Amino acid sequence: MLRIQGFSLLELVVCLALLMTIAGAGALRLPDVLTSLRLGGAAQRLSAALRQARGRALERGSPVEVQLDGGLARWELRDANGATLAREALPAGVTFSALPVSGRVRFSALGTTDNATVTLRGGASLRSIVVNQRGRVRVQ
């Protein structure tokens, strides 16, 4: 007798139920994953803006600052005259959790600054951007 190879209806239903369970568990974590990606991207963009500000201060030989606005959830790159060189808003779901007391990071013509830590929050996650006195920027 010849037997046809394939799946029975019961095997198919069990496999579909297993796939739906796995997909449902993944879908529950999707918002957390997206928020984490937004937070990481915002931290990288802010650290790049800080590095750019230091580079411009060294290039121009005059102070350049990054003004951090917690209320509007954005930052601005400004020259010594206060003219805005660049502006960027934080992505949805990401906010400033902690800012320097002055609300800005100012790089001198030598690329130095005061120690500063900017903390971003996305959901339950935090990312800190630390700037030391020599102007080195790192993300933690």
Protein backbone atom coordinates (compact mmCIF):
# COMPACT_ATOMS: atom_id res chain seq x y z
CA MET A 1 0.00 0.00 0.00
CA LEU A 2 1.27 3.46 -0.91
CA ARG A 3 1.25 6.11 1.86
CA ILE A 4 1.08 9.79 0.90
CA GLN A 5 3.58 12.01 2.73
CA GLY A 6 2.31 15.21 4.36
CA PHE A 7 0.86 16.74 7.50
CA SER A 8 -2.32 15.77 9.25
CA LEU A 9 -4.85 18.43 10.15
CA LEU A 10 -4.00 18.03 13.85
CA GLU A 11 -0.28 18.64 13.20
CA LEU A 12 -1.09 21.73 11.17
CA VAL A 13 -3.35 23.17 13.90
CA VAL A 14 -0.71 22.54 16.60
CA CYS A 15 1.98 24.25 14.51
CA LEU A 16 -0.24 27.26 13.83
CA ALA A 17 -1.11 27.57 17.52
CA LEU A 18 2.61 27.50 18.41
CA LEU A 19 3.42 30.14 15.78
CA MET A 20 0.62 32.39 17.02
CA THR A 21 1.91 32.11 20.62
CA ILE A 22 5.45 33.04 19.58
CA ALA A 23 4.23 35.92 17.38
CA GLY A 24 2.01 37.23 20.20
CA ALA A 25 4.89 37.24 22.67
CA GLY A 26 7.08 39.09 20.15
CA ALA A 27 4.38 41.66 19.44
CA LEU A 28 4.12 42.50 23.16
CA ARG A 29 7.82 43.40 23.27
CA LEU A 30 7.81 45.42 20.05
CA PRO A 31 7.01 48.83 21.66
CA ASP A 32 9.87 48.35 24.16
CA VAL A 33 12.27 47.48 21.36
CA LEU A 34 11.22 50.52 19.30
CA THR A 35 11.61 52.85 22.30
CA SER A 36 15.05 51.40 22.99
CA LEU A 37 16.08 51.98 19.38
CA ARG A 38 14.81 55.57 19.48
CA LEU A 39 16.68 56.18 22.75
CA GLY A 40 19.94 54.79 21.37
CA GLY A 41 19.62 56.83 18.20
CA ALA A 42 18.86 60.03 20.10
CA ALA A 43 21.87 59.48 22.35
CA GLN A 44 24.13 58.97 19.34
CA ARG A 45 22.78 62.07 17.55
CA LEU A 46 23.18 64.25 20.65
CA SER A 47 26.73 63.01 21.23
CA ALA A 48 27.50 63.75 17.56
CA ALA A 49 26.11 67.29 17.99
CA LEU A 50 28.35 67.79 21.04
CA ARG A 51 31.39 66.56 19.11
CA GLN A 52 30.45 68.83 16.21
CA ALA A 53 30.18 71.80 18.59
CA ARG A 54 33.66 71.10 19.93
CA GLY A 55 35.04 70.77 16.42
CA ARG A 56 33.47 74.07 15.35
CA ALA A 57 34.84 75.82 18.43
CA LEU A 58 38.33 74.60 17.60
CA GLU A 59 37.92 75.49 13.92
CA ARG A 60 36.55 79.01 14.48
CA GLY A 61 38.64 79.86 17.52
CA SER A 62 35.54 81.05 19.36
CA PRO A 63 33.08 79.44 21.80
CA VAL A 64 30.27 77.22 20.52
CA GLU A 65 27.53 75.82 22.73
CA VAL A 66 24.81 73.21 22.65
CA GLN A 67 21.68 74.62 24.31
CA LEU A 68 19.45 71.88 25.78
CA ASP A 69 15.73 72.62 26.10
CA GLY A 70 13.94 70.12 28.33
CA GLY A 71 10.52 71.72 27.83
CA LEU A 72 10.59 71.48 24.04
CA ALA A 73 12.67 68.26 24.08
CA ARG A 74 15.27 69.56 21.64
CA TRP A 75 18.79 70.91 21.41
CA GLU A 76 20.35 73.75 19.45
CA LEU A 77 23.91 74.28 18.32
CA ARG A 78 24.82 78.00 18.67
CA ASP A 79 27.88 80.08 17.87
CA ALA A 80 29.43 82.79 20.08
CA ASN A 81 26.95 85.40 18.79
CA GLY A 82 23.96 83.23 19.67
CA ALA A 83 23.10 82.38 16.05
CA THR A 84 21.56 78.94 15.67
CA LEU A 85 23.77 76.64 13.56
CA ALA A 86 21.64 73.50 13.92
CA ARG A 87 18.53 72.37 15.76
CA GLU A 88 17.11 68.92 16.39
CA ALA A 89 14.19 67.57 18.41
CA LEU A 90 14.21 64.35 20.37
CA PRO A 91 12.20 61.51 18.84
CA ALA A 92 8.76 60.61 20.19
CA GLY A 93 8.93 58.77 23.51
CA VAL A 94 12.40 60.12 24.42
CA THR A 95 12.84 62.95 26.94
CA PHE A 96 15.61 64.64 28.89
CA SER A 97 15.85 63.04 32.32
CA ALA A 98 18.74 65.15 33.66
CA LEU A 99 20.48 68.23 32.29
CA PRO A 100 23.45 70.34 33.37
CA VAL A 101 22.45 73.14 35.75
CA SER A 102 23.04 75.80 33.08
CA GLY A 103 21.02 73.86 30.49
CA ARG A 104 23.90 74.03 28.03
CA VAL A 105 27.32 72.65 27.21
CA ARG A 106 29.68 75.43 26.10
CA PHE A 107 32.97 74.62 24.39
CA SER A 108 35.74 77.23 24.54
CA ALA A 109 38.00 78.11 21.63
CA LEU A 110 40.42 75.45 22.94
CA GLY A 111 37.72 72.75 22.91
CA THR A 112 37.48 72.56 26.69
CA THR A 113 34.29 72.73 28.72
CA ASP A 114 32.91 72.15 32.19
CA ASN A 115 32.05 68.58 33.12
CA ALA A 116 28.50 67.84 32.00
CA THR A 117 26.16 64.86 31.97
CA VAL A 118 22.97 64.75 29.92
CA THR A 119 20.63 61.84 30.60
CA LEU A 120 17.94 60.75 28.16
CA ARG A 121 14.96 58.60 29.11
CA GLY A 122 13.01 56.31 26.83
CA GLY A 123 10.41 54.27 28.70
CA ALA A 124 12.23 52.61 31.60
CA SER A 125 15.66 52.90 29.93
CA LEU A 126 18.24 55.62 30.44
CA ARG A 127 21.26 56.69 28.39
CA SER A 128 23.80 59.23 29.60
CA ILE A 129 26.06 61.40 27.50
CA VAL A 130 29.10 62.44 29.53
CA VAL A 131 31.39 65.34 28.55
CA ASN A 132 34.63 65.81 30.47
CA GLN A 133 36.70 68.99 30.92
CA ARG A 134 38.85 68.26 27.88
CA GLY A 135 35.74 68.03 25.69
CA ARG A 136 35.70 64.25 25.27
CA VAL A 137 32.14 63.00 24.68
CA ARG A 138 31.04 59.47 25.43
CA VAL A 139 27.73 57.63 25.65
CA GLN A 140 27.00 55.35 28.60
